[in-house]
């Protein structure tokens, strides 16, 4: 991911990877992300993410 996003409905990762670029500050807005046998990568132990990344999840709180 190498750009900020508008508000997305959903991101579904199945056997895939979503890797956040580390060349600038970005925002990521979504109602939800589902990772099913995939990877959501925001830096690594060897190369930590250095820029600002704001993840915002939009939704409604439900009572339990």
Protein backbone atom coordinates (compact mmCIF):
# COMPACT_ATOMS: atom_id res chain seq x y z
CA UNK A 1 0.00 0.00 0.00
CA UNK A 2 1.68 3.19 -1.13
CA UNK A 3 -1.08 5.77 -0.70
CA UNK A 4 -3.74 6.89 1.76
CA UNK A 5 -7.18 5.39 1.23
CA UNK A 6 -10.71 6.70 1.22
CA UNK A 7 -13.04 4.89 3.65
CA UNK A 8 -13.16 1.29 2.38
CA UNK A 9 -15.92 -1.19 3.14
CA UNK A 10 -13.66 -4.22 3.59
CA UNK A 11 -10.24 -5.63 2.87
CA UNK A 12 -10.11 -9.42 2.62
CA UNK A 13 -6.72 -11.12 2.40
CA UNK A 14 -6.82 -14.74 1.31
CA UNK A 15 -3.47 -16.30 0.48
CA UNK A 16 -2.12 -12.80 -0.11
CA UNK A 17 -0.19 -10.00 1.58
CA UNK A 18 -0.94 -6.34 2.24
CA UNK A 19 2.37 -4.55 2.83
CA UNK A 20 2.41 -0.92 3.92
CA UNK A 21 5.06 1.16 2.18
CA UNK A 22 7.49 3.07 4.39
CA UNK A 23 8.35 6.05 2.16
CA UNK A 24 5.80 8.54 3.56
CA UNK A 25 3.04 9.02 6.16
CA UNK A 26 -0.27 7.37 5.23
CA UNK A 27 -3.80 6.87 6.54
CA UNK A 28 -5.85 3.72 6.05
CA UNK A 29 -9.61 3.76 6.67
CA UNK A 30 -11.81 0.66 6.48
CA UNK A 31 -14.84 -0.87 8.14
CA UNK A 32 -12.92 -4.11 8.62
CA UNK A 33 -9.97 -6.21 7.54
CA UNK A 34 -10.17 -10.01 7.37
CA UNK A 35 -6.91 -11.92 7.12
CA UNK A 36 -7.46 -15.56 6.13
CA UNK A 37 -4.17 -17.37 5.48
CA UNK A 38 -2.63 -14.06 4.47
CA UNK A 39 -0.37 -11.41 5.98
CA UNK A 40 -0.82 -7.78 7.00
CA UNK A 41 2.70 -6.34 7.15
CA UNK A 42 3.65 -3.02 8.74
CA UNK A 43 7.43 -3.22 9.00
CA UNK A 44 9.48 -6.12 10.33
CA UNK A 45 11.69 -6.73 13.32
CA UNK A 46 14.73 -6.29 11.09
CA UNK A 47 13.31 -3.17 9.38
CA UNK A 48 10.72 -1.41 11.60
CA UNK A 49 8.20 0.96 10.01
CA UNK A 50 9.60 4.50 10.39
CA UNK A 51 6.80 6.74 9.02
CA UNK A 52 3.42 7.54 10.56
CA UNK A 53 0.65 5.12 9.63
CA UNK A 54 -2.85 5.77 10.99
CA UNK A 55 -5.26 2.83 10.78
CA UNK A 56 -8.89 3.79 11.43
CA UNK A 57 -11.63 1.18 11.61
CA UNK A 58 -15.20 2.45 11.18
CA UNK A 59 -18.19 0.58 12.49
CA UNK A 60 -20.88 0.40 15.09
CA UNK A 61 -20.43 -0.89 18.59
CA UNK A 62 -22.78 -3.74 19.40
CA UNK A 63 -23.91 -4.76 22.87
CA UNK A 64 -22.98 -8.23 24.08
